[in-house]
Amino acid sequence: MHTIEMDRLNALVLIAEDDPDDQLMLQDAFTEACPDCRLNFVSDGVELLDQLTTDTHTARVPLPDLLLLDLNMPLKDGRQALHELRANPAFAGLPIVVLTTSSSDDDKNACIAAGANDYVVKPSSFTELLHIVKTLQQYWNRHD
């Protein structure tokens, strides 16, 4: 990923993450790196799909500027949610970045093949997480 300057204010980032500690770390990192970003958290794949779709399974408008997707969530994991989102043409333009603890090449290759825009292993330090948040800006900047 390449670092670029933030030029879009109020970007909406939807974060599918079930771990409260990871949610807090992401909130802190976005507050520092992108204070004008709007964050919305969901805790599982079912809640994610409910958040993104109407009852008729069409995309809600507006879609988020970026979806950060954890793989290991309850009810419906990130793998299933990714497949369902990419199978729906309404979400073809939604940037999806998998942010997970899994460093498995098999997981990475499967997610990229399923349509994820990027695959990032959760870092071990807040400084590294800040760097990741700053580089994520490329996803909503290229869609302006």
Protein backbone atom coordinates (compact mmCIF):
# COMPACT_ATOMS: atom_id res chain seq x y z
CA MET A 1 0.00 0.00 0.00
CA HIS A 2 1.16 3.52 -0.74
CA THR A 3 0.74 6.52 1.52
CA ILE A 4 -1.12 9.45 0.00
CA GLU A 5 -2.45 12.66 1.44
CA MET A 6 -6.03 12.79 2.65
CA ASP A 7 -8.10 15.07 0.46
CA ARG A 8 -11.58 13.75 1.10
CA LEU A 9 -13.25 14.93 4.26
CA ASN A 10 -15.91 12.96 6.06
CA ALA A 11 -15.14 9.64 4.40
CA LEU A 12 -17.45 6.92 5.70
CA VAL A 13 -15.62 3.78 6.80
CA LEU A 14 -17.62 0.71 7.73
CA ILE A 15 -15.66 -1.63 9.99
CA ALA A 16 -16.78 -5.24 10.47
CA GLU A 17 -14.91 -6.28 13.62
CA ASP A 18 -16.19 -8.30 16.56
CA ASP A 19 -13.33 -7.73 19.02
CA PRO A 20 -14.04 -4.70 21.28
CA ASP A 21 -10.31 -4.09 21.87
CA ASP A 22 -9.63 -4.04 18.12
CA GLN A 23 -12.61 -1.72 17.63
CA LEU A 24 -11.17 0.68 20.20
CA MET A 25 -7.70 0.58 18.63
CA LEU A 26 -9.16 1.27 15.18
CA GLN A 27 -11.28 4.10 16.59
CA ASP A 28 -8.17 5.65 18.18
CA ALA A 29 -6.09 5.23 15.02
CA PHE A 30 -8.74 6.82 12.80
CA THR A 31 -9.24 9.64 15.31
CA GLU A 32 -5.54 10.44 15.08
CA ALA A 33 -4.92 9.79 11.38
CA CYS A 34 -8.27 10.85 9.93
CA PRO A 35 -10.24 12.95 12.42
CA ASP A 36 -12.91 13.84 9.85
CA CYS A 37 -13.62 10.23 8.93
CA ARG A 38 -16.96 8.85 10.00
CA LEU A 39 -16.76 5.32 11.40
CA ASN A 40 -19.51 2.77 11.70
CA PHE A 41 -18.85 -0.56 13.42
CA VAL A 42 -20.67 -3.86 13.01
CA SER A 43 -19.81 -7.01 14.95
CA ASP A 44 -20.65 -9.87 12.59
CA GLY A 45 -21.34 -10.67 8.97
CA VAL A 46 -25.12 -10.75 9.40
CA GLU A 47 -25.12 -7.25 10.88
CA LEU A 48 -22.77 -6.13 8.09
CA LEU A 49 -25.07 -7.34 5.32
CA ASP A 50 -28.10 -5.87 7.11
CA GLN A 51 -26.29 -2.54 7.35
CA LEU A 52 -25.42 -2.52 3.64
CA THR A 53 -28.62 -3.82 2.09
CA THR A 54 -32.31 -3.05 2.09
CA ASP A 55 -34.95 -5.73 2.47
CA THR A 56 -34.86 -6.34 -1.28
CA HIS A 57 -31.10 -7.03 -1.18
CA THR A 58 -30.22 -3.90 -3.09
CA ALA A 59 -27.49 -1.59 -1.89
CA ARG A 60 -28.37 1.19 0.47
CA VAL A 61 -27.33 4.61 -0.72
CA PRO A 62 -24.84 5.92 0.00
CA LEU A 63 -22.41 3.05 0.31
CA PRO A 64 -19.41 3.52 2.58
CA ASP A 65 -16.20 4.79 1.04
CA LEU A 66 -14.38 1.76 2.45
CA LEU A 67 -15.23 -1.51 4.17
CA LEU A 68 -12.68 -3.00 6.58
CA LEU A 69 -13.56 -6.65 6.98
CA ASP A 70 -12.35 -9.03 9.68
CA LEU A 71 -12.38 -12.68 8.64
CA ASN A 72 -13.16 -14.35 11.96
CA MET A 73 -16.53 -13.08 13.17
CA PRO A 74 -19.56 -14.84 14.66
CA LEU A 75 -22.81 -15.74 12.85
CA LYS A 76 -21.39 -15.12 9.36
CA ASP A 77 -17.64 -14.78 8.97
CA GLY A 78 -15.82 -12.32 6.74
CA ARG A 79 -15.21 -14.92 4.05
CA GLN A 80 -18.93 -15.57 3.63
CA ALA A 81 -19.75 -11.86 3.73
CA LEU A 82 -17.08 -11.09 1.11
CA HIS A 83 -18.49 -13.74 -1.25
CA GLU A 84 -22.05 -12.44 -0.82
CA LEU A 85 -21.04 -8.83 -1.36
CA ARG A 86 -19.00 -9.57 -4.47
CA ALA A 87 -21.79 -11.75 -5.89
CA ASN A 88 -24.08 -8.70 -5.83
CA PRO A 89 -23.41 -6.19 -8.64
CA ALA A 90 -24.63 -3.37 -6.37
CA PHE A 91 -21.38 -3.70 -4.41
CA ALA A 92 -18.96 -3.98 -7.32
CA GLY A 93 -17.50 -0.52 -6.62
CA LEU A 94 -17.26 -0.90 -2.84
CA PRO A 95 -13.60 -1.02 -1.79
CA ILE A 96 -13.15 -3.96 0.61
CA VAL A 97 -9.96 -4.40 2.60
CA VAL A 98 -9.64 -7.52 4.71
CA LEU A 99 -8.02 -6.63 8.06
CA THR A 100 -7.34 -9.83 9.97
CA THR A 101 -4.98 -11.65 12.30
CA SER A 102 -4.53 -14.43 9.74
CA SER A 103 -1.19 -14.31 7.96
CA SER A 104 -2.06 -17.44 5.96
CA ASP A 105 -1.20 -17.22 2.27
CA ASP A 106 -4.21 -19.44 1.58
CA ASP A 107 -6.55 -16.95 3.32
CA LYS A 108 -4.95 -14.02 1.51
CA ASN A 109 -5.12 -15.68 -1.92
CA ALA A 110 -8.72 -16.80 -1.35
CA CYS A 111 -9.82 -13.30 -0.29
CA ILE A 112 -8.12 -11.60 -3.23
CA ALA A 113 -9.61 -14.20 -5.59
CA ALA A 114 -13.04 -13.55 -4.03
CA GLY A 115 -12.76 -9.84 -4.79
CA ALA A 116 -11.09 -8.16 -1.82
CA ASN A 117 -9.16 -5.06 -2.91
CA ASP A 118 -6.43 -5.73 -0.37
CA TYR A 119 -5.49 -8.02 2.50
CA VAL A 120 -3.77 -6.60 5.57
CA VAL A 121 -2.58 -8.53 8.62
CA LYS A 122 -3.45 -6.71 11.85
CA PRO A 123 -0.29 -5.11 13.20
CA SER A 124 1.18 -5.68 16.63
CA SER A 125 1.66 -1.99 17.47
CA PHE A 126 -0.44 1.16 17.42
CA THR A 127 2.22 2.93 15.32
CA GLU A 128 1.89 0.27 12.63
CA LEU A 129 -1.90 0.55 12.79
CA LEU A 130 -1.64 4.32 12.29
CA HIS A 131 0.45 3.72 9.18
CA ILE A 132 -2.15 1.29 7.85
CA VAL A 133 -5.00 3.76 8.46
CA LYS A 134 -3.09 6.47 6.61
CA THR A 135 -2.49 4.19 3.64
CA LEU A 136 -6.15 3.12 3.52
CA GLN A 137 -7.02 6.60 2.28
CA GLN A 138 -6.10 5.49 -1.23
CA TYR A 139 -9.37 3.55 -1.46
CA TRP A 140 -11.70 6.49 -1.10
CA ASN A 141 -9.43 8.99 -2.84
CA ARG A 142 -9.41 6.98 -6.06
CA HIS A 143 -13.22 6.90 -6.15
CA ASP A 144 -13.87 10.64 -5.95
